[in-house]
Amino acid sequence: MLSADGEITFEKDKQTLRAEPNASLLGPDYLLLAETILWNRETESVEAFGQASFTYRSYRILADRLWFNLGTGDFLAQNARGGSPPLDRKSTRLNSSHQIISYAVFCL
């Protein structure tokens, strides 16, 4: 379910919903919060920017910008901090593909 404090608009030509400000997208195993969320219903891709907070199963990410595919569960986060307790990593780029998570540059 997509919600926001302000308007949710639909761009028919792009098949994209835009929710802002203080948007949230709630699914069966994820919660995404951000200033703005763009959801392309045709490709099942979501883009969030502006203090994005993403909880996916037992994993939590805070990022400047995040892309998430609702169909595959793959995600990409920029300038991110995240992990699954007790592990926490900071990275310029955090990526998940086929349930394998990788980090660009990180520090513990």
C-alpha atoms as a PDB file:
ATOM      1  CA  MET A   1       0.000   0.000   0.000  1.00  0.00           C
ATOM      2  CA  LEU A   2       1.353   3.401  -1.036  1.00  0.00           C
ATOM      3  CA  SER A   3       0.626   6.471   1.091  1.00  0.00           C
ATOM      4  CA  ALA A   4       1.934   9.996   1.719  1.00  0.00           C
ATOM      5  CA  ASP A   5       1.221  13.112   3.757  1.00  0.00           C
ATOM      6  CA  GLY A   6       0.599  14.980   0.502  1.00  0.00           C
ATOM      7  CA  GLU A   7      -0.626  13.947  -2.919  1.00  0.00           C
ATOM      8  CA  ILE A   8      -0.213  10.702  -4.797  1.00  0.00           C
ATOM      9  CA  THR A   9      -0.210  11.401  -8.526  1.00  0.00           C
ATOM     10  CA  PHE A  10      -0.284   9.017 -11.500  1.00  0.00           C
ATOM     11  CA  GLU A  11       1.674   9.598 -14.712  1.00  0.00           C
ATOM     12  CA  LYS A  12      -0.276   7.519 -17.220  1.00  0.00           C
ATOM     13  CA  ASP A  13       2.347   7.606 -19.984  1.00  0.00           C
ATOM     14  CA  LYS A  14       5.022   6.231 -17.593  1.00  0.00           C
ATOM     15  CA  GLN A  15       2.616   4.056 -15.559  1.00  0.00           C
ATOM     16  CA  THR A  16       4.194   5.641 -12.463  1.00  0.00           C
ATOM     17  CA  LEU A  17       2.712   6.630  -9.127  1.00  0.00           C
ATOM     18  CA  ARG A  18       4.460   9.485  -7.305  1.00  0.00           C
ATOM     19  CA  ALA A  19       3.930   9.920  -3.558  1.00  0.00           C
ATOM     20  CA  GLU A  20       5.311  12.871  -1.571  1.00  0.00           C
ATOM     21  CA  PRO A  21       6.111  14.167   0.988  1.00  0.00           C
ATOM     22  CA  ASN A  22       6.708  11.611   3.752  1.00  0.00           C
ATOM     23  CA  ALA A  23       5.795   8.667   1.551  1.00  0.00           C
ATOM     24  CA  SER A  24       5.552   5.035   2.567  1.00  0.00           C
ATOM     25  CA  LEU A  25       5.149   1.772   0.696  1.00  0.00           C
ATOM     26  CA  LEU A  26       4.118  -1.260   2.722  1.00  0.00           C
ATOM     27  CA  GLY A  27       4.241  -4.819   1.420  1.00  0.00           C
ATOM     28  CA  PRO A  28       4.076  -8.314   2.902  1.00  0.00           C
ATOM     29  CA  ASP A  29       7.781  -8.420   3.851  1.00  0.00           C
ATOM     30  CA  TYR A  30       9.002  -4.836   3.402  1.00  0.00           C
ATOM     31  CA  LEU A  31       8.436  -1.257   4.508  1.00  0.00           C
ATOM     32  CA  LEU A  32       9.878   1.675   2.581  1.00  0.00           C
ATOM     33  CA  LEU A  33       9.799   5.243   3.939  1.00  0.00           C
ATOM     34  CA  ALA A  34      11.165   8.327   2.103  1.00  0.00           C
ATOM     35  CA  GLU A  35      10.437  11.931   1.217  1.00  0.00           C
ATOM     36  CA  THR A  36       9.451  10.801  -2.303  1.00  0.00           C
ATOM     37  CA  ILE A  37       8.584   7.373  -3.714  1.00  0.00           C
ATOM     38  CA  LEU A  38       8.133   6.646  -7.428  1.00  0.00           C
ATOM     39  CA  TRP A  39       6.479   3.296  -8.239  1.00  0.00           C
ATOM     40  CA  ASN A  40       6.382   2.051 -11.826  1.00  0.00           C
ATOM     41  CA  ARG A  41       3.508  -0.424 -11.771  1.00  0.00           C
ATOM     42  CA  GLU A  42       4.399  -1.846 -15.173  1.00  0.00           C
ATOM     43  CA  THR A  43       8.009  -2.820 -14.329  1.00  0.00           C
ATOM     44  CA  GLU A  44       7.401  -3.299 -10.566  1.00  0.00           C
ATOM     45  CA  SER A  45      10.343  -0.975  -9.871  1.00  0.00           C
ATOM     46  CA  VAL A  46      10.366   1.516  -7.017  1.00  0.00           C
ATOM     47  CA  GLU A  47      12.679   4.488  -6.534  1.00  0.00           C
ATOM     48  CA  ALA A  48      12.867   6.309  -3.211  1.00  0.00           C
ATOM     49  CA  PHE A  49      14.869   9.407  -2.378  1.00  0.00           C
ATOM     50  CA  GLY A  50      15.196  11.809   0.506  1.00  0.00           C
ATOM     51  CA  GLN A  51      16.164  10.009   3.709  1.00  0.00           C
ATOM     52  CA  ALA A  52      15.050   6.567   2.565  1.00  0.00           C
ATOM     53  CA  SER A  53      14.528   3.926   5.236  1.00  0.00           C
ATOM     54  CA  PHE A  54      14.007   0.386   3.947  1.00  0.00           C
ATOM     55  CA  THR A  55      13.187  -2.684   6.020  1.00  0.00           C
ATOM     56  CA  TYR A  56      13.198  -5.932   4.027  1.00  0.00           C
ATOM     57  CA  ARG A  57      12.644  -9.122   5.994  1.00  0.00           C
ATOM     58  CA  SER A  58      15.254  -8.869   8.786  1.00  0.00           C
ATOM     59  CA  TYR A  59      17.433  -6.356   6.897  1.00  0.00           C
ATOM     60  CA  ARG A  60      17.334  -2.574   7.492  1.00  0.00           C
ATOM     61  CA  ILE A  61      18.862   0.130   5.263  1.00  0.00           C
ATOM     62  CA  LEU A  62      19.103   3.903   5.594  1.00  0.00           C
ATOM     63  CA  ALA A  63      20.111   5.596   2.326  1.00  0.00           C
ATOM     64  CA  ASP A  64      20.079   8.828   0.342  1.00  0.00           C
ATOM     65  CA  ARG A  65      18.494   7.014  -2.614  1.00  0.00           C
ATOM     66  CA  LEU A  66      17.180   3.483  -3.084  1.00  0.00           C
ATOM     67  CA  TRP A  67      15.871   1.371  -5.962  1.00  0.00           C
ATOM     68  CA  PHE A  68      13.838  -1.770  -5.263  1.00  0.00           C
ATOM     69  CA  ASN A  69      12.265  -4.345  -7.583  1.00  0.00           C
ATOM     70  CA  LEU A  70       9.022  -5.656  -6.096  1.00  0.00           C
ATOM     71  CA  GLY A  71       9.078  -8.741  -8.333  1.00  0.00           C
ATOM     72  CA  THR A  72      12.601  -9.982  -7.618  1.00  0.00           C
ATOM     73  CA  GLY A  73      13.366  -8.373  -4.235  1.00  0.00           C
ATOM     74  CA  ASP A  74      16.630  -6.953  -5.641  1.00  0.00           C
ATOM     75  CA  PHE A  75      17.670  -3.516  -4.417  1.00  0.00           C
ATOM     76  CA  LEU A  76      20.383  -0.895  -4.816  1.00  0.00           C
ATOM     77  CA  ALA A  77      21.058   1.824  -2.237  1.00  0.00           C
ATOM     78  CA  GLN A  78      23.381   4.856  -2.516  1.00  0.00           C
ATOM     79  CA  ASN A  79      25.240   6.306   0.458  1.00  0.00           C
ATOM     80  CA  ALA A  80      23.756   3.637   2.651  1.00  0.00           C
ATOM     81  CA  ARG A  81      24.056   2.198   6.108  1.00  0.00           C
ATOM     82  CA  GLY A  82      22.445  -1.124   6.777  1.00  0.00           C
ATOM     83  CA  GLY A  83      22.535  -4.632   7.999  1.00  0.00           C
ATOM     84  CA  SER A  84      20.848  -7.308   9.967  1.00  0.00           C
ATOM     85  CA  PRO A  85      21.488  -7.134  13.706  1.00  0.00           C
ATOM     86  CA  PRO A  86      24.107  -7.342  15.068  1.00  0.00           C
ATOM     87  CA  LEU A  87      25.967  -6.528  11.800  1.00  0.00           C
ATOM     88  CA  ASP A  88      25.858  -2.972  10.472  1.00  0.00           C
ATOM     89  CA  ARG A  89      27.773  -1.647   7.465  1.00  0.00           C
ATOM     90  CA  LYS A  90      28.245   1.761   5.887  1.00  0.00           C
ATOM     91  CA  SER A  91      28.741   1.856   2.129  1.00  0.00           C
ATOM     92  CA  THR A  92      28.702   4.223  -0.830  1.00  0.00           C
ATOM     93  CA  ARG A  93      26.708   1.544  -2.650  1.00  0.00           C
ATOM     94  CA  LEU A  94      24.831  -1.424  -1.240  1.00  0.00           C
ATOM     95  CA  ASN A  95      23.408  -3.939  -3.698  1.00  0.00           C
ATOM     96  CA  SER A  96      21.253  -7.064  -3.475  1.00  0.00           C
ATOM     97  CA  SER A  97      20.848  -9.417  -6.403  1.00  0.00           C
ATOM     98  CA  HIS A  98      19.218 -12.825  -6.066  1.00  0.00           C
ATOM     99  CA  GLN A  99      19.380 -12.563  -2.249  1.00  0.00           C
ATOM    100  CA  ILE A 100      23.174 -11.923  -2.284  1.00  0.00           C
ATOM    101  CA  ILE A 101      24.105  -8.586  -0.703  1.00  0.00           C
ATOM    102  CA  SER A 102      27.312  -6.803  -1.697  1.00  0.00           C
ATOM    103  CA  TYR A 103      28.943  -3.575  -0.521  1.00  0.00           C
ATOM    104  CA  ALA A 104      31.060  -1.125  -2.535  1.00  0.00           C
ATOM    105  CA  VAL A 105      33.133   0.547   0.188  1.00  0.00           C
ATOM    106  CA  PHE A 106      32.321  -0.168   3.797  1.00  0.00           C
ATOM    107  CA  CYS A 107      33.536   0.145   7.352  1.00  0.00           C
ATOM    108  CA  LEU A 108      32.386  -1.763  10.392  1.00  0.00           C
END
